């Protein structure tokens, strides 16, 4: 960073960041009023500089929005494994129970349809 400032100074003075000089050497005027996003970003930068916002050290240098840890197959997450298998077993038990109830209801309705007695109706 200091090297950049030294190079700018040797080229004829430091320019404001983002300023461009055209052929005539004119510098465009800065924006009149910063928008709400610019104000919020500046406030967050200030708060982070004071150390009030905690940033995870492993996430500080990543460029991805979705950080995924490398899977460690030597130490499986047994809680997650147990939850996955127990959920699967519970769903299968419910499915089999519901199927048996549906089969019983089908058989009952089939018998009612097959009953052609004149005395019942």
PDB file of N, CA and C in Angstrom:
ATOM      1  N   UNK A   1       0.818  -1.180   0.000  1.00  0.00           N
ATOM      2  CA  UNK A   1       0.000   0.000   0.000  1.00  0.00           C
ATOM      3  C   UNK A   1       0.868   1.253   0.000  1.00  0.00           C
ATOM      4  N   UNK A   2       1.915   1.238   0.836  1.00  0.00           N
ATOM      5  CA  UNK A   2       2.806   2.396   0.896  1.00  0.00           C
ATOM      6  C   UNK A   2       3.548   2.564  -0.419  1.00  0.00           C
ATOM      7  N   UNK A   3       3.859   1.458  -1.087  1.00  0.00           N
ATOM      8  CA  UNK A   3       4.555   1.521  -2.369  1.00  0.00           C
ATOM      9  C   UNK A   3       3.669   2.201  -3.417  1.00  0.00           C
ATOM     10  N   UNK A   4       2.380   1.920  -3.386  1.00  0.00           N
ATOM     11  CA  UNK A   4       1.459   2.568  -4.332  1.00  0.00           C
ATOM     12  C   UNK A   4       1.428   4.079  -4.110  1.00  0.00           C
ATOM     13  N   UNK A   5       1.384   4.490  -2.842  1.00  0.00           N
ATOM     14  CA  UNK A   5       1.368   5.929  -2.551  1.00  0.00           C
ATOM     15  C   UNK A   5       2.654   6.587  -3.032  1.00  0.00           C
ATOM     16  N   UNK A   6       3.757   5.896  -2.847  1.00  0.00           N
ATOM     17  CA  UNK A   6       5.032   6.460  -3.287  1.00  0.00           C
ATOM     18  C   UNK A   6       5.062   6.591  -4.811  1.00  0.00           C
ATOM     19  N   UNK A   7       4.517   5.607  -5.518  1.00  0.00           N
ATOM     20  CA  UNK A   7       4.480   5.696  -6.983  1.00  0.00           C
ATOM     21  C   UNK A   7       3.594   6.843  -7.441  1.00  0.00           C
ATOM     22  N   UNK A   8       2.433   7.003  -6.779  1.00  0.00           N
ATOM     23  CA  UNK A   8       1.539   8.094  -7.150  1.00  0.00           C
ATOM     24  C   UNK A   8       2.212   9.438  -6.917  1.00  0.00           C
ATOM     25  N   UNK A   9       2.901   9.555  -5.797  1.00  0.00           N
ATOM     26  CA  UNK A   9       3.565  10.811  -5.478  1.00  0.00           C
ATOM     27  C   UNK A   9       4.644  11.126  -6.511  1.00  0.00           C
ATOM     28  N   UNK A  10       5.322  10.105  -6.997  1.00  0.00           N
ATOM     29  CA  UNK A  10       6.377  10.340  -7.976  1.00  0.00           C
ATOM     30  C   UNK A  10       5.798  10.687  -9.352  1.00  0.00           C
ATOM     31  N   UNK A  11       4.530  10.337  -9.593  1.00  0.00           N
ATOM     32  CA  UNK A  11       3.908  10.645 -10.882  1.00  0.00           C
ATOM     33  C   UNK A  11       3.334  12.050 -10.922  1.00  0.00           C
ATOM     34  N   UNK A  12       3.386  12.758  -9.859  1.00  0.00           N
ATOM     35  CA  UNK A  12       2.873  14.117  -9.908  1.00  0.00           C
ATOM     36  C   UNK A  12       1.774  14.346  -8.890  1.00  0.00           C
ATOM     37  N   UNK A  13       1.791  13.659  -7.795  1.00  0.00           N
ATOM     38  CA  UNK A  13       0.811  13.921  -6.743  1.00  0.00           C
ATOM     39  C   UNK A  13      -0.222  12.819  -6.644  1.00  0.00           C
ATOM     40  N   UNK A  14      -0.784  12.715  -5.475  1.00  0.00           N
ATOM     41  CA  UNK A  14      -1.790  11.682  -5.229  1.00  0.00           C
ATOM     42  C   UNK A  14      -3.157  12.196  -5.652  1.00  0.00           C
ATOM     43  N   UNK A  15      -3.897  11.349  -6.349  1.00  0.00           N
ATOM     44  CA  UNK A  15      -5.257  11.680  -6.749  1.00  0.00           C
ATOM     45  C   UNK A  15      -6.217  11.054  -5.753  1.00  0.00           C
ATOM     46  N   UNK A  16      -7.403  11.598  -5.656  1.00  0.00           N
ATOM     47  CA  UNK A  16      -8.408  10.929  -4.828  1.00  0.00           C
ATOM     48  C   UNK A  16      -8.754   9.576  -5.426  1.00  0.00           C
ATOM     49  N   UNK A  17      -9.081   8.644  -4.583  1.00  0.00           N
ATOM     50  CA  UNK A  17      -9.373   7.283  -5.040  1.00  0.00           C
ATOM     51  C   UNK A  17     -10.573   7.294  -5.974  1.00  0.00           C
ATOM     52  N   UNK A  18     -10.442   6.659  -7.120  1.00  0.00           N
ATOM     53  CA  UNK A  18     -11.538   6.571  -8.072  1.00  0.00           C
ATOM     54  C   UNK A  18     -11.618   7.751  -9.014  1.00  0.00           C
ATOM     55  N   UNK A  19     -10.816   8.787  -8.829  1.00  0.00           N
ATOM     56  CA  UNK A  19     -10.875   9.955  -9.704  1.00  0.00           C
ATOM     57  C   UNK A  19     -10.111   9.664 -10.982  1.00  0.00           C
ATOM     58  N   UNK A  20     -10.671  10.117 -12.093  1.00  0.00           N
ATOM     59  CA  UNK A  20     -10.021   9.931 -13.392  1.00  0.00           C
ATOM     60  C   UNK A  20      -9.783  11.295 -14.022  1.00  0.00           C
ATOM     61  N   UNK A  21      -8.687  11.402 -14.715  1.00  0.00           N
ATOM     62  CA  UNK A  21      -8.430  12.645 -15.431  1.00  0.00           C
ATOM     63  C   UNK A  21      -8.640  12.379 -16.898  1.00  0.00           C
ATOM     64  N   UNK A  22      -9.359  13.251 -17.557  1.00  0.00           N
ATOM     65  CA  UNK A  22      -9.602  13.117 -18.986  1.00  0.00           C
ATOM     66  C   UNK A  22      -8.480  13.768 -19.762  1.00  0.00           C
ATOM     67  N   UNK A  23      -8.728  14.038 -21.039  1.00  0.00           N
ATOM     68  CA  UNK A  23      -7.702  14.656 -21.876  1.00  0.00           C
ATOM     69  C   UNK A  23      -7.390  16.074 -21.426  1.00  0.00           C
ATOM     70  N   UNK A  24      -8.401  16.751 -20.934  1.00  0.00           N
ATOM     71  CA  UNK A  24      -8.176  18.129 -20.503  1.00  0.00           C
ATOM     72  C   UNK A  24      -7.701  18.225 -19.067  1.00  0.00           C
ATOM     73  N   UNK A  25      -7.589  17.111 -18.386  1.00  0.00           N
ATOM     74  CA  UNK A  25      -7.127  17.127 -17.012  1.00  0.00           C
ATOM     75  C   UNK A  25      -8.232  17.420 -16.018  1.00  0.00           C
ATOM     76  N   UNK A  26      -9.478  17.407 -16.455  1.00  0.00           N
ATOM     77  CA  UNK A  26     -10.592  17.729 -15.561  1.00  0.00           C
ATOM     78  C   UNK A  26     -10.952  16.503 -14.718  1.00  0.00           C
ATOM     79  N   UNK A  27     -11.211  16.729 -13.472  1.00  0.00           N
ATOM     80  CA  UNK A  27     -11.615  15.670 -12.555  1.00  0.00           C
ATOM     81  C   UNK A  27     -13.128  15.757 -12.393  1.00  0.00           C
ATOM     82  N   UNK A  28     -13.848  14.653 -12.622  1.00  0.00           N
ATOM     83  CA  UNK A  28     -15.302  14.728 -12.472  1.00  0.00           C
ATOM     84  C   UNK A  28     -15.673  15.011 -11.021  1.00  0.00           C
ATOM     85  N   UNK A  29     -16.780  15.717 -10.811  1.00  0.00           N
ATOM     86  CA  UNK A  29     -17.170  16.042  -9.433  1.00  0.00           C
ATOM     87  C   UNK A  29     -17.598  14.787  -8.684  1.00  0.00           C
ATOM     88  N   UNK A  30     -17.350  14.744  -7.386  1.00  0.00           N
ATOM     89  CA  UNK A  30     -17.772  13.578  -6.608  1.00  0.00           C
ATOM     90  C   UNK A  30     -19.295  13.538  -6.492  1.00  0.00           C
ATOM     91  N   UNK A  31     -19.816  12.363  -6.122  1.00  0.00           N
ATOM     92  CA  UNK A  31     -21.262  12.249  -5.952  1.00  0.00           C
ATOM     93  C   UNK A  31     -21.716  13.177  -4.839  1.00  0.00           C
ATOM     94  N   UNK A  32     -22.897  13.734  -5.010  1.00  0.00           N
ATOM     95  CA  UNK A  32     -23.386  14.706  -4.053  1.00  0.00           C
ATOM     96  C   UNK A  32     -23.701  14.068  -2.707  1.00  0.00           C
ATOM     97  N   UNK A  33     -24.427  12.973  -2.704  1.00  0.00           N
ATOM     98  CA  UNK A  33     -24.870  12.361  -1.446  1.00  0.00           C
ATOM     99  C   UNK A  33     -24.692  10.852  -1.550  1.00  0.00           C
ATOM    100  N   UNK A  34     -23.987  10.230  -0.593  1.00  0.00           N
ATOM    101  CA  UNK A  34     -23.860   8.767  -0.638  1.00  0.00           C
ATOM    102  C   UNK A  34     -25.206   8.115  -0.352  1.00  0.00           C
ATOM    103  N   UNK A  35     -25.429   6.984  -0.990  1.00  0.00           N
ATOM    104  CA  UNK A  35     -26.680   6.260  -0.818  1.00  0.00           C
ATOM    105  C   UNK A  35     -26.730   5.526   0.510  1.00  0.00           C
ATOM    106  N   UNK A  36     -27.886   4.923   0.834  1.00  0.00           N
ATOM    107  CA  UNK A  36     -28.025   4.228   2.121  1.00  0.00           C
ATOM    108  C   UNK A  36     -27.117   3.013   2.237  1.00  0.00           C
ATOM    109  N   UNK A  37     -26.839   2.352   1.107  1.00  0.00           N
ATOM    110  CA  UNK A  37     -25.965   1.183   1.157  1.00  0.00           C
ATOM    111  C   UNK A  37     -24.540   1.613   1.483  1.00  0.00           C
ATOM    112  N   UNK A  38     -24.106   2.739   0.893  1.00  0.00           N
ATOM    113  CA  UNK A  38     -22.764   3.244   1.171  1.00  0.00           C
ATOM    114  C   UNK A  38     -22.626   3.639   2.635  1.00  0.00           C
ATOM    115  N   UNK A  39     -23.674   4.245   3.188  1.00  0.00           N
ATOM    116  CA  UNK A  39     -23.626   4.658   4.593  1.00  0.00           C
ATOM    117  C   UNK A  39     -23.558   3.437   5.505  1.00  0.00           C
ATOM    118  N   UNK A  40     -24.352   2.401   5.179  1.00  0.00           N
ATOM    119  CA  UNK A  40     -24.368   1.205   6.014  1.00  0.00           C
ATOM    120  C   UNK A  40     -23.015   0.488   5.944  1.00  0.00           C
ATOM    121  N   UNK A  41     -22.439   0.414   4.740  1.00  0.00           N
ATOM    122  CA  UNK A  41     -21.145  -0.247   4.588  1.00  0.00           C
ATOM    123  C   UNK A  41     -20.070   0.510   5.365  1.00  0.00           C
ATOM    124  N   UNK A  42     -20.121   1.829   5.323  1.00  0.00           N
ATOM    125  CA  UNK A  42     -19.141   2.618   6.063  1.00  0.00           C
ATOM    126  C   UNK A  42     -19.299   2.411   7.566  1.00  0.00           C
ATOM    127  N   UNK A  43     -20.549   2.328   8.021  1.00  0.00           N
ATOM    128  CA  UNK A  43     -20.789   2.106   9.452  1.00  0.00           C
ATOM    129  C   UNK A  43     -20.282   0.738   9.877  1.00  0.00           C
ATOM    130  N   UNK A  44     -20.525  -0.277   9.062  1.00  0.00           N
ATOM    131  CA  UNK A  44     -20.059  -1.626   9.403  1.00  0.00           C
ATOM    132  C   UNK A  44     -18.540  -1.706   9.414  1.00  0.00           C
ATOM    133  N   UNK A  45     -17.887  -0.997   8.470  1.00  0.00           N
ATOM    134  CA  UNK A  45     -16.425  -0.968   8.477  1.00  0.00           C
ATOM    135  C   UNK A  45     -15.906  -0.322   9.756  1.00  0.00           C
ATOM    136  N   UNK A  46     -16.567   0.746  10.190  1.00  0.00           N
ATOM    137  CA  UNK A  46     -16.142   1.419  11.409  1.00  0.00           C
ATOM    138  C   UNK A  46     -16.314   0.536  12.632  1.00  0.00           C
ATOM    139  N   UNK A  47     -17.433  -0.161  12.707  1.00  0.00           N
ATOM    140  CA  UNK A  47     -17.692  -1.045  13.843  1.00  0.00           C
ATOM    141  C   UNK A  47     -16.695  -2.193  13.842  1.00  0.00           C
ATOM    142  N   UNK A  48     -16.385  -2.741  12.673  1.00  0.00           N
ATOM    143  CA  UNK A  48     -15.429  -3.845  12.594  1.00  0.00           C
ATOM    144  C   UNK A  48     -14.038  -3.385  13.012  1.00  0.00           C
ATOM    145  N   UNK A  49     -13.679  -2.136  12.663  1.00  0.00           N
ATOM    146  CA  UNK A  49     -12.366  -1.616  13.056  1.00  0.00           C
ATOM    147  C   UNK A  49     -12.246  -1.514  14.570  1.00  0.00           C
ATOM    148  N   UNK A  50     -13.346  -1.193  15.255  1.00  0.00           N
ATOM    149  CA  UNK A  50     -13.307  -1.095  16.713  1.00  0.00           C
ATOM    150  C   UNK A  50     -13.285  -2.458  17.365  1.00  0.00           C
ATOM    151  N   UNK A  51     -13.548  -3.501  16.618  1.00  0.00           N
ATOM    152  CA  UNK A  51     -13.503  -4.849  17.165  1.00  0.00           C
ATOM    153  C   UNK A  51     -14.792  -5.263  17.842  1.00  0.00           C
ATOM    154  N   UNK A  52     -15.896  -4.585  17.557  1.00  0.00           N
ATOM    155  CA  UNK A  52     -17.165  -4.925  18.185  1.00  0.00           C
ATOM    156  C   UNK A  52     -17.876  -6.056  17.466  1.00  0.00           C
ATOM    157  N   UNK A  53     -17.515  -6.296  16.212  1.00  0.00           N
ATOM    158  CA  UNK A  53     -18.131  -7.375  15.448  1.00  0.00           C
ATOM    159  C   UNK A  53     -17.164  -8.542  15.423  1.00  0.00           C
ATOM    160  N   UNK A  54     -17.631  -9.689  15.860  1.00  0.00           N
ATOM    161  CA  UNK A  54     -16.770 -10.877  15.885  1.00  0.00           C
ATOM    162  C   UNK A  54     -16.788 -11.537  14.515  1.00  0.00           C
ATOM    163  N   UNK A  55     -15.620 -11.777  13.982  1.00  0.00           N
ATOM    164  CA  UNK A  55     -15.489 -12.459  12.697  1.00  0.00           C
ATOM    165  C   UNK A  55     -14.716 -13.737  12.943  1.00  0.00           C
ATOM    166  N   UNK A  56     -15.257 -14.850  12.433  1.00  0.00           N
ATOM    167  CA  UNK A  56     -14.569 -16.131  12.593  1.00  0.00           C
ATOM    168  C   UNK A  56     -13.244 -16.081  11.845  1.00  0.00           C
ATOM    169  N   UNK A  57     -12.148 -16.488  12.467  1.00  0.00           N
ATOM    170  CA  UNK A  57     -10.848 -16.389  11.797  1.00  0.00           C
ATOM    171  C   UNK A  57     -10.751 -17.258  10.554  1.00  0.00           C
ATOM    172  N   UNK A  58     -11.443 -18.404  10.532  1.00  0.00           N
ATOM    173  CA  UNK A  58     -11.357 -19.265   9.358  1.00  0.00           C
ATOM    174  C   UNK A  58     -12.145 -18.701   8.192  1.00  0.00           C
ATOM    175  N   UNK A  59     -13.133 -17.833   8.485  1.00  0.00           N
ATOM    176  CA  UNK A  59     -13.968 -17.289   7.420  1.00  0.00           C
ATOM    177  C   UNK A  59     -13.474 -15.931   6.938  1.00  0.00           C
ATOM    178  N   UNK A  60     -12.452 -15.386   7.555  1.00  0.00           N
ATOM    179  CA  UNK A  60     -12.029 -14.036   7.244  1.00  0.00           C
ATOM    180  C   UNK A  60     -11.445 -13.918   5.840  1.00  0.00           C
ATOM    181  N   UNK A  61     -10.799 -14.947   5.342  1.00  0.00           N
ATOM    182  CA  UNK A  61     -10.101 -14.823   4.062  1.00  0.00           C
ATOM    183  C   UNK A  61     -10.780 -15.586   2.929  1.00  0.00           C
ATOM    184  N   UNK A  62     -11.994 -16.020   3.126  1.00  0.00           N
ATOM    185  CA  UNK A  62     -12.670 -16.770   2.078  1.00  0.00           C
ATOM    186  C   UNK A  62     -13.393 -15.835   1.127  1.00  0.00           C
ATOM    187  N   UNK A  63     -13.559 -16.277  -0.093  1.00  0.00           N
ATOM    188  CA  UNK A  63     -14.274 -15.488  -1.085  1.00  0.00           C
ATOM    189  C   UNK A  63     -15.648 -16.066  -1.357  1.00  0.00           C
ATOM    190  N   UNK A  64     -15.946 -17.206  -0.778  1.00  0.00           N
ATOM    191  CA  UNK A  64     -17.205 -17.867  -1.047  1.00  0.00           C
ATOM    192  C   UNK A  64     -18.247 -17.469  -0.007  1.00  0.00           C
ATOM    193  N   UNK A  65     -19.496 -17.385  -0.451  1.00  0.00           N
ATOM    194  CA  UNK A  65     -20.585 -17.100   0.485  1.00  0.00           C
ATOM    195  C   UNK A  65     -20.952 -18.350   1.258  1.00  0.00           C
ATOM    196  N   UNK A  66     -20.704 -19.509   0.689  1.00  0.00           N
ATOM    197  CA  UNK A  66     -21.046 -20.768   1.329  1.00  0.00           C
ATOM    198  C   UNK A  66     -19.752 -21.494   1.667  1.00  0.00           C
ATOM    199  N   UNK A  67     -19.409 -21.499   2.924  1.00  0.00           N
ATOM    200  CA  UNK A  67     -18.165 -22.126   3.363  1.00  0.00           C
ATOM    201  C   UNK A  67     -18.478 -23.546   3.804  1.00  0.00           C
ATOM    202  N   UNK A  68     -17.798 -24.495   3.217  1.00  0.00           N
ATOM    203  CA  UNK A  68     -18.021 -25.904   3.536  1.00  0.00           C
ATOM    204  C   UNK A  68     -16.735 -26.460   4.119  1.00  0.00           C
ATOM    205  N   UNK A  69     -16.850 -27.057   5.297  1.00  0.00           N
ATOM    206  CA  UNK A  69     -15.678 -27.689   5.896  1.00  0.00           C
ATOM    207  C   UNK A  69     -15.383 -28.989   5.171  1.00  0.00           C
ATOM    208  N   UNK A  70     -14.127 -29.336   5.119  1.00  0.00           N
ATOM    209  CA  UNK A  70     -13.748 -30.603   4.508  1.00  0.00           C
ATOM    210  C   UNK A  70     -14.213 -31.740   5.412  1.00  0.00           C
ATOM    211  N   UNK A  71     -14.858 -32.737   4.842  1.00  0.00           N
ATOM    212  CA  UNK A  71     -15.399 -33.847   5.623  1.00  0.00           C
ATOM    213  C   UNK A  71     -14.267 -34.666   6.220  1.00  0.00           C
ATOM    214  N   UNK A  72     -14.393 -34.986   7.500  1.00  0.00           N
ATOM    215  CA  UNK A  72     -13.395 -35.797   8.180  1.00  0.00           C
ATOM    216  C   UNK A  72     -13.993 -37.185   8.364  1.00  0.00           C
ATOM    217  N   UNK A  73     -13.589 -38.113   7.525  1.00  0.00           N
ATOM    218  CA  UNK A  73     -14.167 -39.459   7.582  1.00  0.00           C
ATOM    219  C   UNK A  73     -13.614 -40.275   8.753  1.00  0.00           C
ATOM    220  N   UNK A  74     -12.551 -39.801   9.375  1.00  0.00           N
ATOM    221  CA  UNK A  74     -12.000 -40.520  10.520  1.00  0.00           C
ATOM    222  C   UNK A  74     -12.868 -40.330  11.764  1.00  0.00           C
ATOM    223  N   UNK A  75     -13.579 -39.217  11.845  1.00  0.00           N
ATOM    224  CA  UNK A  75     -14.462 -38.933  12.981  1.00  0.00           C
ATOM    225  C   UNK A  75     -15.846 -38.587  12.464  1.00  0.00           C
ATOM    226  N   UNK A  76     -16.694 -39.595  12.201  1.00  0.00           N
ATOM    227  CA  UNK A  76     -18.031 -39.300  11.689  1.00  0.00           C
ATOM    228  C   UNK A  76     -18.897 -38.592  12.731  1.00  0.00           C
ATOM    229  N   UNK A  77     -19.850 -37.857  12.256  1.00  0.00           N
ATOM    230  CA  UNK A  77     -20.800 -37.166  13.124  1.00  0.00           C
ATOM    231  C   UNK A  77     -21.882 -38.166  13.517  1.00  0.00           C
ATOM    232  N   UNK A  78     -21.680 -38.833  14.643  1.00  0.00           N
ATOM    233  CA  UNK A  78     -22.582 -39.920  15.028  1.00  0.00           C
ATOM    234  C   UNK A  78     -23.975 -39.414  15.365  1.00  0.00           C
ATOM    235  N   UNK A  79     -24.081 -38.212  15.858  1.00  0.00           N
ATOM    236  CA  UNK A  79     -25.409 -37.653  16.130  1.00  0.00           C
ATOM    237  C   UNK A  79     -26.183 -37.487  14.825  1.00  0.00           C
ATOM    238  N   UNK A  80     -25.527 -36.961  13.814  1.00  0.00           N
ATOM    239  CA  UNK A  80     -26.176 -36.799  12.515  1.00  0.00           C
ATOM    240  C   UNK A  80     -26.529 -38.133  11.882  1.00  0.00           C
ATOM    241  N   UNK A  81     -25.631 -39.110  12.007  1.00  0.00           N
ATOM    242  CA  UNK A  81     -25.890 -40.446  11.459  1.00  0.00           C
ATOM    243  C   UNK A  81     -27.086 -41.069  12.155  1.00  0.00           C
ATOM    244  N   UNK A  82     -27.120 -40.969  13.489  1.00  0.00           N
ATOM    245  CA  UNK A  82     -28.239 -41.535  14.248  1.00  0.00           C
ATOM    246  C   UNK A  82     -29.557 -40.864  13.909  1.00  0.00           C
ATOM    247  N   UNK A  83     -29.543 -39.534  13.780  1.00  0.00           N
ATOM    248  CA  UNK A  83     -30.774 -38.835  13.407  1.00  0.00           C
ATOM    249  C   UNK A  83     -31.245 -39.229  12.017  1.00  0.00           C
ATOM    250  N   UNK A  84     -30.329 -39.385  11.088  1.00  0.00           N
ATOM    251  CA  UNK A  84     -30.707 -39.751   9.727  1.00  0.00           C
ATOM    252  C   UNK A  84     -31.331 -41.139   9.693  1.00  0.00           C
ATOM    253  N   UNK A  85     -30.679 -42.122  10.349  1.00  0.00           N
ATOM    254  CA  UNK A  85     -31.210 -43.481  10.331  1.00  0.00           C
ATOM    255  C   UNK A  85     -32.508 -43.597  11.113  1.00  0.00           C
ATOM    256  N   UNK A  86     -32.622 -42.923  12.256  1.00  0.00           N
ATOM    257  CA  UNK A  86     -33.860 -43.021  13.037  1.00  0.00           C
ATOM    258  C   UNK A  86     -35.019 -42.351  12.309  1.00  0.00           C
ATOM    259  N   UNK A  87     -34.754 -41.250  11.629  1.00  0.00           N
ATOM    260  CA  UNK A  87     -35.804 -40.600  10.843  1.00  0.00           C
ATOM    261  C   UNK A  87     -36.250 -41.502   9.710  1.00  0.00           C
ATOM    262  N   UNK A  88     -35.292 -42.117   9.037  1.00  0.00           N
ATOM    263  CA  UNK A  88     -35.622 -43.025   7.949  1.00  0.00           C
ATOM    264  C   UNK A  88     -36.445 -44.214   8.459  1.00  0.00           C
ATOM    265  N   UNK A  89     -36.052 -44.796   9.597  1.00  0.00           N
ATOM    266  CA  UNK A  89     -36.784 -45.934  10.158  1.00  0.00           C
ATOM    267  C   UNK A  89     -38.195 -45.525  10.562  1.00  0.00           C
ATOM    268  N   UNK A  90     -38.349 -44.344  11.160  1.00  0.00           N
ATOM    269  CA  UNK A  90     -39.679 -43.880  11.568  1.00  0.00           C
ATOM    270  C   UNK A  90     -40.578 -43.662  10.358  1.00  0.00           C
ATOM    271  N   UNK A  91     -40.034 -43.096   9.305  1.00  0.00           N
ATOM    272  CA  UNK A  91     -40.834 -42.885   8.091  1.00  0.00           C
ATOM    273  C   UNK A  91     -41.246 -44.202   7.456  1.00  0.00           C
ATOM    274  N   UNK A  92     -40.335 -45.177   7.411  1.00  0.00           N
ATOM    275  CA  UNK A  92     -40.684 -46.485   6.853  1.00  0.00           C
ATOM    276  C   UNK A  92     -41.751 -47.165   7.701  1.00  0.00           C
ATOM    277  N   UNK A  93     -41.649 -47.081   9.033  1.00  0.00           N
ATOM    278  CA  UNK A  93     -42.658 -47.688   9.907  1.00  0.00           C
ATOM    279  C   UNK A  93     -44.016 -47.046   9.676  1.00  0.00           C
ATOM    280  N   UNK A  94     -44.055 -45.727   9.560  1.00  0.00           N
ATOM    281  CA  UNK A  94     -45.320 -45.044   9.281  1.00  0.00           C
ATOM    282  C   UNK A  94     -45.877 -45.455   7.925  1.00  0.00           C
ATOM    283  N   UNK A  95     -45.014 -45.574   6.926  1.00  0.00           N
ATOM    284  CA  UNK A  95     -45.454 -45.958   5.586  1.00  0.00           C
ATOM    285  C   UNK A  95     -46.046 -47.364   5.582  1.00  0.00           C
ATOM    286  N   UNK A  96     -45.389 -48.303   6.260  1.00  0.00           N
ATOM    287  CA  UNK A  96     -45.886 -49.694   6.304  1.00  0.00           C
ATOM    288  C   UNK A  96     -47.203 -49.755   7.072  1.00  0.00           C
ATOM    289  N   UNK A  97     -47.305 -49.027   8.189  1.00  0.00           N
ATOM    290  CA  UNK A  97     -48.545 -48.997   8.976  1.00  0.00           C
ATOM    291  C   UNK A  97     -49.688 -48.425   8.137  1.00  0.00           C
ATOM    292  N   UNK A  98     -49.421 -47.332   7.438  1.00  0.00           N
ATOM    293  CA  UNK A  98     -50.454 -46.709   6.603  1.00  0.00           C
ATOM    294  C   UNK A  98     -50.865 -47.650   5.473  1.00  0.00           C
ATOM    295  N   UNK A  99     -49.916 -48.345   4.887  1.00  0.00           N
ATOM    296  CA  UNK A  99     -50.226 -49.294   3.811  1.00  0.00           C
ATOM    297  C   UNK A  99     -51.124 -50.412   4.329  1.00  0.00           C
ATOM    298  N   UNK A 100     -50.803 -50.963   5.514  1.00  0.00           N
ATOM    299  CA  UNK A 100     -51.629 -52.032   6.087  1.00  0.00           C
ATOM    300  C   UNK A 100     -53.048 -51.550   6.368  1.00  0.00           C
ATOM    301  N   UNK A 101     -53.188 -50.324   6.872  1.00  0.00           N
ATOM    302  CA  UNK A 101     -54.525 -49.772   7.106  1.00  0.00           C
ATOM    303  C   UNK A 101     -55.281 -49.605   5.798  1.00  0.00           C
ATOM    304  N   UNK A 102     -54.596 -49.153   4.753  1.00  0.00           N
ATOM    305  CA  UNK A 102     -55.244 -48.978   3.452  1.00  0.00           C
ATOM    306  C   UNK A 102     -55.694 -50.320   2.877  1.00  0.00           C
ATOM    307  N   UNK A 103     -54.873 -51.359   3.029  1.00  0.00           N
ATOM    308  CA  UNK A 103     -55.241 -52.682   2.530  1.00  0.00           C
ATOM    309  C   UNK A 103     -56.471 -53.206   3.288  1.00  0.00           C
ATOM    310  N   UNK A 104     -56.496 -53.020   4.615  1.00  0.00           N
ATOM    311  CA  UNK A 104     -57.654 -53.462   5.399  1.00  0.00           C
ATOM    312  C   UNK A 104     -58.925 -52.713   4.978  1.00  0.00           C
ATOM    313  N   UNK A 105     -58.827 -51.419   4.731  1.00  0.00           N
ATOM    314  CA  UNK A 105     -59.988 -50.634   4.278  1.00  0.00           C
ATOM    315  C   UNK A 105     -60.443 -51.094   2.898  1.00  0.00           C
ATOM    316  N   UNK A 106     -59.509 -51.413   2.023  1.00  0.00           N
ATOM    317  CA  UNK A 106     -59.846 -51.910   0.687  1.00  0.00           C
ATOM    318  C   UNK A 106     -60.602 -53.231   0.781  1.00  0.00           C
ATOM    319  N   UNK A 107     -60.100 -54.135   1.630  1.00  0.00           N
ATOM    320  CA  UNK A 107     -60.766 -55.442   1.788  1.00  0.00           C
ATOM    321  C   UNK A 107     -62.172 -55.271   2.363  1.00  0.00           C
ATOM    322  N   UNK A 108     -62.352 -54.365   3.335  1.00  0.00           N
ATOM    323  CA  UNK A 108     -63.666 -54.132   3.942  1.00  0.00           C
ATOM    324  C   UNK A 108     -64.656 -53.605   2.903  1.00  0.00           C
ATOM    325  N   UNK A 109     -64.228 -52.642   2.094  1.00  0.00           N
ATOM    326  CA  UNK A 109     -65.125 -52.082   1.072  1.00  0.00           C
ATOM    327  C   UNK A 109     -65.427 -53.103  -0.019  1.00  0.00           C
ATOM    328  N   UNK A 110     -64.430 -53.948  -0.304  1.00  0.00           N
ATOM    329  CA  UNK A 110     -64.648 -54.977  -1.328  1.00  0.00           C
ATOM    330  C   UNK A 110     -65.717 -55.970  -0.850  1.00  0.00           C
ATOM    331  N   UNK A 111     -65.706 -56.334   0.420  1.00  0.00           N
ATOM    332  CA  UNK A 111     -66.717 -57.247   0.961  1.00  0.00           C
ATOM    333  C   UNK A 111     -68.093 -56.591   0.972  1.00  0.00           C
ATOM    334  N   UNK A 112     -68.161 -55.301   1.292  1.00  0.00           N
ATOM    335  CA  UNK A 112     -69.445 -54.597   1.285  1.00  0.00           C
ATOM    336  C   UNK A 112     -70.041 -54.556  -0.112  1.00  0.00           C
ATOM    337  N   UNK A 113     -69.201 -54.346  -1.113  1.00  0.00           N
ATOM    338  CA  UNK A 113     -69.684 -54.321  -2.499  1.00  0.00           C
ATOM    339  C   UNK A 113     -70.174 -55.687  -2.948  1.00  0.00           C
ATOM    340  N   UNK A 114     -69.511 -56.729  -2.487  1.00  0.00           N
ATOM    341  CA  UNK A 114     -69.863 -58.093  -2.908  1.00  0.00           C
ATOM    342  C   UNK A 114     -71.102 -58.632  -2.224  1.00  0.00           C
ATOM    343  N   UNK A 115     -71.554 -58.029  -1.155  1.00  0.00           N
ATOM    344  CA  UNK A 115     -72.728 -58.488  -0.387  1.00  0.00           C
ATOM    345  C   UNK A 115     -74.002 -58.031  -1.103  1.00  0.00           C
ATOM    346  N   UNK A 116     -74.754 -58.981  -1.698  1.00  0.00           N
ATOM    347  CA  UNK A 116     -75.951 -58.637  -2.477  1.00  0.00           C
ATOM    348  C   UNK A 116     -77.205 -59.222  -1.797  1.00  0.00           C
ATOM    349  N   UNK A 117     -77.376 -58.939  -0.558  1.00  0.00           N
ATOM    350  CA  UNK A 117     -78.530 -59.463   0.177  1.00  0.00           C
ATOM    351  C   UNK A 117     -79.687 -58.478   0.074  1.00  0.00           C
ATOM    352  N   UNK A 118     -80.886 -58.923  -0.181  1.00  0.00           N
ATOM    353  CA  UNK A 118     -82.051 -58.044  -0.299  1.00  0.00           C
ATOM    354  C   UNK A 118     -82.566 -57.629   1.063  1.00  0.00           C
ATOM    355  N   UNK A 119     -82.274 -58.417   2.082  1.00  0.00           N
ATOM    356  CA  UNK A 119     -82.775 -58.080   3.414  1.00  0.00           C
ATOM    357  C   UNK A 119     -82.011 -56.947   4.065  1.00  0.00           C
ATOM    358  N   UNK A 120     -80.796 -56.690   3.651  1.00  0.00           N
ATOM    359  CA  UNK A 120     -79.981 -55.626   4.283  1.00  0.00           C
ATOM    360  C   UNK A 120     -80.398 -54.253   3.798  1.00  0.00           C
ATOM    361  N   UNK A 121     -80.833 -54.127   2.573  1.00  0.00           N
ATOM    362  CA  UNK A 121     -81.098 -52.808   2.041  1.00  0.00           C
ATOM    363  C   UNK A 121     -82.536 -52.405   2.100  1.00  0.00           C
TER     364      UNK A 121
END
